[in-house]
C-alpha atoms as a PDB file:
ATOM      1  CA  MET A   1     189.976 147.665 121.900  1.00  0.00           C
ATOM      2  CA  THR A   2     189.579 145.320 124.837  1.00  0.00           C
ATOM      3  CA  MET A   3     187.391 142.283 124.443  1.00  0.00           C
ATOM      4  CA  LEU A   4     184.204 142.309 126.483  1.00  0.00           C
ATOM      5  CA  THR A   5     183.693 139.517 128.966  1.00  0.00           C
ATOM      6  CA  ALA A   6     180.564 137.367 128.823  1.00  0.00           C
ATOM      7  CA  SER A   7     179.177 139.237 131.827  1.00  0.00           C
ATOM      8  CA  GLN A   8     179.780 142.602 130.142  1.00  0.00           C
ATOM      9  CA  ARG A   9     178.071 141.411 126.968  1.00  0.00           C
ATOM     10  CA  LEU A  10     175.044 140.311 128.989  1.00  0.00           C
ATOM     11  CA  GLN A  11     174.908 143.585 130.880  1.00  0.00           C
ATOM     12  CA  ALA A  12     175.025 145.482 127.588  1.00  0.00           C
ATOM     13  CA  PHE A  13     171.566 144.089 126.842  1.00  0.00           C
ATOM     14  CA  ALA A  14     170.227 144.663 130.358  1.00  0.00           C
ATOM     15  CA  ASN A  15     169.060 148.196 129.629  1.00  0.00           C
ATOM     16  CA  PRO A  16     165.249 148.154 129.311  1.00  0.00           C
ATOM     17  CA  THR A  17     165.302 151.310 127.164  1.00  0.00           C
ATOM     18  CA  ARG A  18     167.657 149.664 124.688  1.00  0.00           C
ATOM     19  CA  PHE A  19     165.474 146.554 124.639  1.00  0.00           C
ATOM     20  CA  MET A  20     162.315 148.572 124.010  1.00  0.00           C
ATOM     21  CA  ALA A  21     163.930 150.415 121.100  1.00  0.00           C
ATOM     22  CA  LEU A  22     165.260 147.232 119.476  1.00  0.00           C
ATOM     23  CA  SER A  23     162.124 145.145 120.019  1.00  0.00           C
ATOM     24  CA  GLY A  24     159.939 147.960 118.734  1.00  0.00           C
ATOM     25  CA  ARG A  25     161.705 147.752 115.380  1.00  0.00           C
ATOM     26  CA  LEU A  26     161.464 143.948 115.226  1.00  0.00           C
ATOM     27  CA  VAL A  27     157.855 143.178 116.177  1.00  0.00           C
ATOM     28  CA  ALA A  28     156.126 144.390 112.989  1.00  0.00           C
ATOM     29  CA  PRO A  29     158.406 142.748 110.380  1.00  0.00           C
ATOM     30  CA  LEU A  30     158.575 139.532 112.391  1.00  0.00           C
ATOM     31  CA  GLY A  31     154.790 139.541 112.631  1.00  0.00           C
ATOM     32  CA  VAL A  32     154.459 139.831 108.840  1.00  0.00           C
ATOM     33  CA  LEU A  33     157.034 137.058 108.330  1.00  0.00           C
ATOM     34  CA  THR A  34     155.205 134.841 110.843  1.00  0.00           C
ATOM     35  CA  ALA A  35     151.875 135.303 109.078  1.00  0.00           C
ATOM     36  CA  ALA A  36     153.440 134.474 105.701  1.00  0.00           C
ATOM     37  CA  VAL A  37     155.206 131.324 106.932  1.00  0.00           C
ATOM     38  CA  MET A  38     152.113 130.122 108.797  1.00  0.00           C
ATOM     39  CA  ALA A  39     149.917 130.682 105.724  1.00  0.00           C
ATOM     40  CA  VAL A  40     152.278 128.669 103.516  1.00  0.00           C
ATOM     41  CA  GLY A  41     152.552 125.909 106.119  1.00  0.00           C
ATOM     42  CA  LEU A  42     148.797 125.646 106.603  1.00  0.00           C
ATOM     43  CA  TYR A  43     148.223 125.516 102.855  1.00  0.00           C
ATOM     44  CA  PHE A  44     150.631 122.612 102.465  1.00  0.00           C
ATOM     45  CA  ALA A  45     149.293 120.888 105.589  1.00  0.00           C
ATOM     46  CA  LEU A  46     145.602 121.159 104.710  1.00  0.00           C
ATOM     47  CA  PHE A  47     145.576 121.005 100.921  1.00  0.00           C
ATOM     48  CA  ALA A  48     148.902 120.066  99.315  1.00  0.00           C
ATOM     49  CA  SER A  49     149.952 117.140 101.516  1.00  0.00           C
ATOM     50  CA  PRO A  50     148.395 113.701 100.993  1.00  0.00           C
ATOM     51  CA  PRO A  51     146.425 111.728 103.599  1.00  0.00           C
ATOM     52  CA  ASP A  52     148.343 108.955 105.314  1.00  0.00           C
ATOM     53  CA  TYR A  53     147.790 105.439 103.984  1.00  0.00           C
ATOM     54  CA  GLN A  54     146.966 104.204 107.496  1.00  0.00           C
ATOM     55  CA  GLN A  55     145.716 107.269 109.397  1.00  0.00           C
ATOM     56  CA  GLY A  56     143.854 108.941 106.559  1.00  0.00           C
ATOM     57  CA  GLU A  57     142.930 112.592 107.059  1.00  0.00           C
ATOM     58  CA  THR A  58     143.511 112.430 110.829  1.00  0.00           C
ATOM     59  CA  VAL A  59     147.255 112.665 110.126  1.00  0.00           C
ATOM     60  CA  ARG A  60     146.735 116.394 109.577  1.00  0.00           C
ATOM     61  CA  ILE A  61     146.492 116.797 113.349  1.00  0.00           C
ATOM     62  CA  MET A  62     150.217 116.045 113.330  1.00  0.00           C
ATOM     63  CA  TYR A  63     150.974 119.403 111.711  1.00  0.00           C
ATOM     64  CA  ILE A  64     149.677 121.182 114.815  1.00  0.00           C
ATOM     65  CA  HIS A  65     150.487 118.594 117.470  1.00  0.00           C
ATOM     66  CA  VAL A  66     154.167 118.044 116.677  1.00  0.00           C
ATOM     67  CA  PRO A  67     155.216 121.739 116.443  1.00  0.00           C
ATOM     68  CA  SER A  68     153.240 122.448 119.630  1.00  0.00           C
ATOM     69  CA  ALA A  69     155.047 119.627 121.435  1.00  0.00           C
ATOM     70  CA  TRP A  70     158.431 120.840 120.184  1.00  0.00           C
ATOM     71  CA  LEU A  71     157.666 124.414 121.249  1.00  0.00           C
ATOM     72  CA  SER A  72     156.490 123.310 124.698  1.00  0.00           C
ATOM     73  CA  LEU A  73     160.018 122.005 125.356  1.00  0.00           C
ATOM     74  CA  PHE A  74     161.812 124.805 123.518  1.00  0.00           C
ATOM     75  CA  VAL A  75     159.944 127.560 125.364  1.00  0.00           C
ATOM     76  CA  TYR A  76     160.648 125.959 128.729  1.00  0.00           C
ATOM     77  CA  SER A  77     164.333 125.698 127.791  1.00  0.00           C
ATOM     78  CA  VAL A  78     164.333 129.418 126.956  1.00  0.00           C
ATOM     79  CA  MET A  79     162.597 130.122 130.263  1.00  0.00           C
ATOM     80  CA  ALA A  80     165.131 128.045 132.205  1.00  0.00           C
ATOM     81  CA  VAL A  81     168.154 129.680 130.523  1.00  0.00           C
ATOM     82  CA  ALA A  82     166.690 133.149 131.101  1.00  0.00           C
ATOM     83  CA  SER A  83     166.012 132.241 134.735  1.00  0.00           C
ATOM     84  CA  GLY A  84     169.598 131.093 135.174  1.00  0.00           C
ATOM     85  CA  VAL A  85     170.941 134.331 133.687  1.00  0.00           C
ATOM     86  CA  ALA A  86     168.608 136.388 135.892  1.00  0.00           C
ATOM     87  CA  LEU A  87     169.639 134.434 138.981  1.00  0.00           C
ATOM     88  CA  VAL A  88     173.409 134.552 138.400  1.00  0.00           C
ATOM     89  CA  PHE A  89     173.866 137.927 136.724  1.00  0.00           C
ATOM     90  CA  ARG A  90     170.791 139.745 138.114  1.00  0.00           C
ATOM     91  CA  HIS A  91     169.832 140.536 134.522  1.00  0.00           C
ATOM     92  CA  PRO A  92     166.476 142.409 134.514  1.00  0.00           C
ATOM     93  CA  ILE A  93     165.600 141.667 130.887  1.00  0.00           C
ATOM     94  CA  ALA A  94     166.350 137.960 131.386  1.00  0.00           C
ATOM     95  CA  ASP A  95     163.878 137.925 134.280  1.00  0.00           C
ATOM     96  CA  VAL A  96     161.318 139.693 132.104  1.00  0.00           C
ATOM     97  CA  CYS A  97     161.941 137.098 129.376  1.00  0.00           C
ATOM     98  CA  ALA A  98     161.400 134.168 131.745  1.00  0.00           C
ATOM     99  CA  LYS A  99     158.158 135.607 133.095  1.00  0.00           C
ATOM    100  CA  ALA A 100     156.844 136.504 129.628  1.00  0.00           C
ATOM    101  CA  ALA A 101     157.664 133.089 128.157  1.00  0.00           C
ATOM    102  CA  ALA A 102     155.769 131.025 130.737  1.00  0.00           C
ATOM    103  CA  PRO A 103     152.160 131.614 129.559  1.00  0.00           C
ATOM    104  CA  ILE A 104     153.194 131.064 125.940  1.00  0.00           C
ATOM    105  CA  GLY A 105     154.868 127.784 126.822  1.00  0.00           C
ATOM    106  CA  ALA A 106     151.854 126.709 128.856  1.00  0.00           C
ATOM    107  CA  ALA A 107     149.588 127.421 125.869  1.00  0.00           C
ATOM    108  CA  PHE A 108     151.774 125.335 123.541  1.00  0.00           C
ATOM    109  CA  THR A 109     151.839 122.506 126.078  1.00  0.00           C
ATOM    110  CA  PHE A 110     148.065 122.587 126.478  1.00  0.00           C
ATOM    111  CA  LEU A 111     147.660 122.568 122.682  1.00  0.00           C
ATOM    112  CA  ALA A 112     150.028 119.586 122.436  1.00  0.00           C
ATOM    113  CA  LEU A 113     148.007 117.683 125.049  1.00  0.00           C
ATOM    114  CA  VAL A 114     144.650 118.436 123.415  1.00  0.00           C
ATOM    115  CA  THR A 115     145.741 117.659 119.856  1.00  0.00           C
ATOM    116  CA  GLY A 116     147.556 114.559 121.094  1.00  0.00           C
ATOM    117  CA  SER A 117     144.343 113.371 122.703  1.00  0.00           C
ATOM    118  CA  LEU A 118     142.367 114.061 119.516  1.00  0.00           C
ATOM    119  CA  TRP A 119     144.976 112.212 117.474  1.00  0.00           C
ATOM    120  CA  GLY A 120     145.298 109.352 119.943  1.00  0.00           C
ATOM    121  CA  GLU A 121     141.623 108.398 120.059  1.00  0.00           C
ATOM    122  CA  PRO A 122     141.346 107.171 116.437  1.00  0.00           C
ATOM    123  CA  MET A 123     144.881 105.735 116.491  1.00  0.00           C
ATOM    124  CA  TRP A 124     144.981 104.070 119.926  1.00  0.00           C
ATOM    125  CA  GLY A 125     141.271 103.753 120.654  1.00  0.00           C
ATOM    126  CA  THR A 126     141.535 105.950 123.764  1.00  0.00           C
ATOM    127  CA  TRP A 127     141.748 109.661 124.533  1.00  0.00           C
ATOM    128  CA  TRP A 128     144.438 109.254 127.172  1.00  0.00           C
ATOM    129  CA  VAL A 129     146.935 106.727 128.503  1.00  0.00           C
ATOM    130  CA  TRP A 130     149.249 107.170 131.463  1.00  0.00           C
ATOM    131  CA  ASP A 131     152.408 106.353 129.554  1.00  0.00           C
ATOM    132  CA  ALA A 132     155.760 108.045 130.140  1.00  0.00           C
ATOM    133  CA  ARG A 133     155.571 110.628 127.345  1.00  0.00           C
ATOM    134  CA  LEU A 134     152.033 111.825 127.985  1.00  0.00           C
ATOM    135  CA  THR A 135     152.423 111.864 131.767  1.00  0.00           C
ATOM    136  CA  SER A 136     155.708 113.797 131.667  1.00  0.00           C
ATOM    137  CA  VAL A 137     154.197 116.384 129.284  1.00  0.00           C
ATOM    138  CA  LEU A 138     151.233 116.777 131.641  1.00  0.00           C
ATOM    139  CA  ILE A 139     153.710 117.341 134.483  1.00  0.00           C
ATOM    140  CA  LEU A 140     155.405 120.009 132.343  1.00  0.00           C
ATOM    141  CA  PHE A 141     152.057 121.758 131.969  1.00  0.00           C
ATOM    142  CA  PHE A 142     151.609 121.759 135.752  1.00  0.00           C
ATOM    143  CA  ILE A 143     155.145 123.122 136.194  1.00  0.00           C
ATOM    144  CA  TYR A 144     154.270 126.000 133.873  1.00  0.00           C
ATOM    145  CA  LEU A 145     151.110 126.670 135.898  1.00  0.00           C
ATOM    146  CA  GLY A 146     153.047 126.468 139.165  1.00  0.00           C
ATOM    147  CA  TYR A 147     155.643 128.927 137.902  1.00  0.00           C
ATOM    148  CA  MET A 148     152.955 131.402 136.835  1.00  0.00           C
ATOM    149  CA  ALA A 149     151.094 130.980 140.131  1.00  0.00           C
ATOM    150  CA  LEU A 150     154.279 131.645 142.102  1.00  0.00           C
ATOM    151  CA  ARG A 151     154.971 134.844 140.208  1.00  0.00           C
ATOM    152  CA  ALA A 152     151.355 135.947 140.597  1.00  0.00           C
ATOM    153  CA  THR A 153     151.473 135.580 144.388  1.00  0.00           C
ATOM    154  CA  ILE A 154     154.462 137.939 144.791  1.00  0.00           C
ATOM    155  CA  ASP A 155     153.639 141.557 143.990  1.00  0.00           C
ATOM    156  CA  ASP A 156     157.242 142.762 143.783  1.00  0.00           C
ATOM    157  CA  PRO A 157     158.722 141.402 140.512  1.00  0.00           C
ATOM    158  CA  HIS A 158     162.254 141.742 141.872  1.00  0.00           C
ATOM    159  CA  ALA A 159     161.401 139.698 144.962  1.00  0.00           C
ATOM    160  CA  ALA A 160     159.853 137.036 142.748  1.00  0.00           C
ATOM    161  CA  THR A 161     162.971 136.615 140.614  1.00  0.00           C
ATOM    162  CA  ARG A 162     164.910 134.223 142.854  1.00  0.00           C
ATOM    163  CA  PRO A 163     162.155 131.744 143.882  1.00  0.00           C
ATOM    164  CA  ALA A 164     160.739 131.712 140.329  1.00  0.00           C
ATOM    165  CA  ALA A 165     164.180 131.125 138.818  1.00  0.00           C
ATOM    166  CA  VAL A 166     164.895 128.257 141.217  1.00  0.00           C
ATOM    167  CA  LEU A 167     161.555 126.643 140.362  1.00  0.00           C
ATOM    168  CA  ALA A 168     162.206 127.013 136.625  1.00  0.00           C
ATOM    169  CA  LEU A 169     165.674 125.478 136.908  1.00  0.00           C
ATOM    170  CA  VAL A 170     164.475 122.562 139.047  1.00  0.00           C
ATOM    171  CA  GLY A 171     161.594 121.943 136.653  1.00  0.00           C
ATOM    172  CA  PHE A 172     164.001 121.748 133.718  1.00  0.00           C
ATOM    173  CA  VAL A 173     164.856 118.211 134.870  1.00  0.00           C
ATOM    174  CA  ASN A 174     161.581 117.170 133.253  1.00  0.00           C
ATOM    175  CA  VAL A 175     162.621 118.352 129.761  1.00  0.00           C
ATOM    176  CA  PRO A 176     165.164 115.581 129.024  1.00  0.00           C
ATOM    177  CA  ILE A 177     162.789 113.073 130.637  1.00  0.00           C
ATOM    178  CA  ILE A 178     160.118 114.051 128.093  1.00  0.00           C
ATOM    179  CA  HIS A 179     162.586 113.948 125.213  1.00  0.00           C
ATOM    180  CA  TYR A 180     164.017 110.518 126.014  1.00  0.00           C
ATOM    181  CA  SER A 181     160.908 108.932 127.535  1.00  0.00           C
ATOM    182  CA  VAL A 182     160.064 106.987 124.367  1.00  0.00           C
ATOM    183  CA  ASN A 183     163.577 105.498 124.406  1.00  0.00           C
ATOM    184  CA  TRP A 184     163.804 104.773 128.131  1.00  0.00           C
ATOM    185  CA  TRP A 185     160.361 103.195 128.564  1.00  0.00           C
ATOM    186  CA  ASN A 186     157.973 101.101 126.507  1.00  0.00           C
ATOM    187  CA  THR A 187     155.228 103.553 125.574  1.00  0.00           C
ATOM    188  CA  LEU A 188     152.374 103.814 123.099  1.00  0.00           C
ATOM    189  CA  HIS A 189     153.822 107.082 121.829  1.00  0.00           C
ATOM    190  CA  GLN A 190     155.888 106.623 118.689  1.00  0.00           C
ATOM    191  CA  PRO A 191     159.658 107.326 118.867  1.00  0.00           C
ATOM    192  CA  ALA A 192     161.364 110.227 117.116  1.00  0.00           C
ATOM    193  CA  SER A 193     160.702 110.221 113.375  1.00  0.00           C
ATOM    194  CA  VAL A 194     162.186 113.571 112.261  1.00  0.00           C
ATOM    195  CA  PHE A 195     165.393 114.266 114.180  1.00  0.00           C
ATOM    196  CA  ARG A 196     167.171 110.940 113.807  1.00  0.00           C
ATOM    197  CA  ILE A 197     170.816 110.049 113.202  1.00  0.00           C
ATOM    198  CA  ASP A 198     169.859 108.002 110.137  1.00  0.00           C
ATOM    199  CA  GLY A 199     167.538 110.721 108.816  1.00  0.00           C
ATOM    200  CA  PRO A 200     163.792 111.367 109.116  1.00  0.00           C
ATOM    201  CA  THR A 201     161.321 108.574 108.439  1.00  0.00           C
ATOM    202  CA  VAL A 202     158.570 111.008 107.435  1.00  0.00           C
ATOM    203  CA  ALA A 203     157.857 111.332 103.713  1.00  0.00           C
ATOM    204  CA  SER A 204     158.969 114.618 102.166  1.00  0.00           C
ATOM    205  CA  SER A 205     155.378 115.462 101.194  1.00  0.00           C
ATOM    206  CA  MET A 206     154.570 115.537 104.920  1.00  0.00           C
ATOM    207  CA  LEU A 207     157.945 116.689 106.202  1.00  0.00           C
ATOM    208  CA  VAL A 208     157.845 119.982 104.253  1.00  0.00           C
ATOM    209  CA  PRO A 209     154.574 121.274 105.786  1.00  0.00           C
ATOM    210  CA  LEU A 210     155.576 119.929 109.187  1.00  0.00           C
ATOM    211  CA  MET A 211     158.887 121.798 109.220  1.00  0.00           C
ATOM    212  CA  THR A 212     157.312 124.916 107.695  1.00  0.00           C
ATOM    213  CA  LEU A 213     154.747 125.060 110.475  1.00  0.00           C
ATOM    214  CA  ALA A 214     157.455 124.341 113.043  1.00  0.00           C
ATOM    215  CA  VAL A 215     159.290 127.445 111.796  1.00  0.00           C
ATOM    216  CA  GLY A 216     156.025 129.378 111.804  1.00  0.00           C
ATOM    217  CA  PHE A 217     155.230 128.337 115.377  1.00  0.00           C
ATOM    218  CA  THR A 218     158.735 129.355 116.449  1.00  0.00           C
ATOM    219  CA  LEU A 219     158.417 132.764 114.815  1.00  0.00           C
ATOM    220  CA  PHE A 220     155.007 133.175 116.459  1.00  0.00           C
ATOM    221  CA  PHE A 221     156.618 132.431 119.817  1.00  0.00           C
ATOM    222  CA  VAL A 222     159.328 135.034 119.207  1.00  0.00           C
ATOM    223  CA  VAL A 223     156.761 137.686 118.274  1.00  0.00           C
ATOM    224  CA  MET A 224     154.538 136.913 121.250  1.00  0.00           C
ATOM    225  CA  LEU A 225     157.548 136.848 123.555  1.00  0.00           C
ATOM    226  CA  LEU A 226     158.671 140.298 122.414  1.00  0.00           C
ATOM    227  CA  VAL A 227     155.135 141.685 122.787  1.00  0.00           C
ATOM    228  CA  ARG A 228     154.747 140.245 126.282  1.00  0.00           C
ATOM    229  CA  MET A 229     158.223 141.391 127.302  1.00  0.00           C
ATOM    230  CA  ARG A 230     157.478 144.933 126.150  1.00  0.00           C
ATOM    231  CA  ALA A 231     154.234 144.883 128.133  1.00  0.00           C
ATOM    232  CA  GLU A 232     156.074 143.614 131.227  1.00  0.00           C
ATOM    233  CA  VAL A 233     158.750 146.330 130.961  1.00  0.00           C
ATOM    234  CA  LEU A 234     156.035 148.983 130.738  1.00  0.00           C
ATOM    235  CA  ARG A 235     154.177 147.379 133.661  1.00  0.00           C
ATOM    236  CA  ARG A 236     157.311 147.539 135.808  1.00  0.00           C
ATOM    237  CA  ARG A 237     157.925 151.148 134.834  1.00  0.00           C
ATOM    238  CA  VAL A 238     154.381 152.102 135.842  1.00  0.00           C
ATOM    239  CA  ARG A 239     154.791 150.242 139.134  1.00  0.00           C
ATOM    240  CA  ALA A 240     158.086 152.002 139.872  1.00  0.00           C
ATOM    241  CA  MET A 241     156.528 155.404 139.125  1.00  0.00           C
ATOM    242  CA  SER A 242     153.562 154.635 141.370  1.00  0.00           C
ATOM    243  CA  LEU A 243     155.863 153.641 144.232  1.00  0.00           C
ATOM    244  CA  ARG A 244     157.917 156.831 143.846  1.00  0.00           C
ATOM    245  CA  ARG A 245     154.788 158.954 143.928  1.00  0.00           C
ATOM    246  CA  ALA A 246     153.511 157.108 147.007  1.00  0.00           C
ATOM    247  CA  GLU A 247     156.849 157.651 148.783  1.00  0.00           C
ATOM    248  CA  GLY A 248     156.926 161.308 147.768  1.00  0.00           C
END
């Protein structure tokens, strides 16, 4: 047997029919797993974890805010990689993935901004500050909106692939800026406390629900991504059939 090249492996998953068959088998069990993980995480976050000695009960906002912030960056990274694959290899499913991921990422980013504001008011005494972390996350939210607006203005999904992919790849510059902003600039936002070389500084009683909900949020993203991708594939099929009928 000859070994497949990377391009051949990618093209093997470019068949929308194959994607629909595989995703159709995955959505239901992943949905059940997501609900179970989220339920366990919320129980630990709301009932089993202690209040913080300084922040009190307001620390529970962290269990929503932090996973949302992580997912806002992760989803955009997925969108950028998918855009790159669609641009270089003309991979139709990668383009579908990038388009489907954008509204989910925008929702996570909006949730991170809102919960961060709610958490910041009792901690900092203000709902908003124009520091590097908060401002760069707000810019990420606008990039998501710009990407979705660009795709919405172009009726032909194939014609929208290239400009949307270029925008997504250019916007990815903001992701490392967000990640390292607390190290590069003096900000009110606290530095990393979980993923550190010398280990997390968060107590295990808080780290367990935080990581459980992070896994739950990630699974939720995967399920929503598959659902939106399936809807987009069907939408493109209906559009192609309508165009063929109009031409006939």
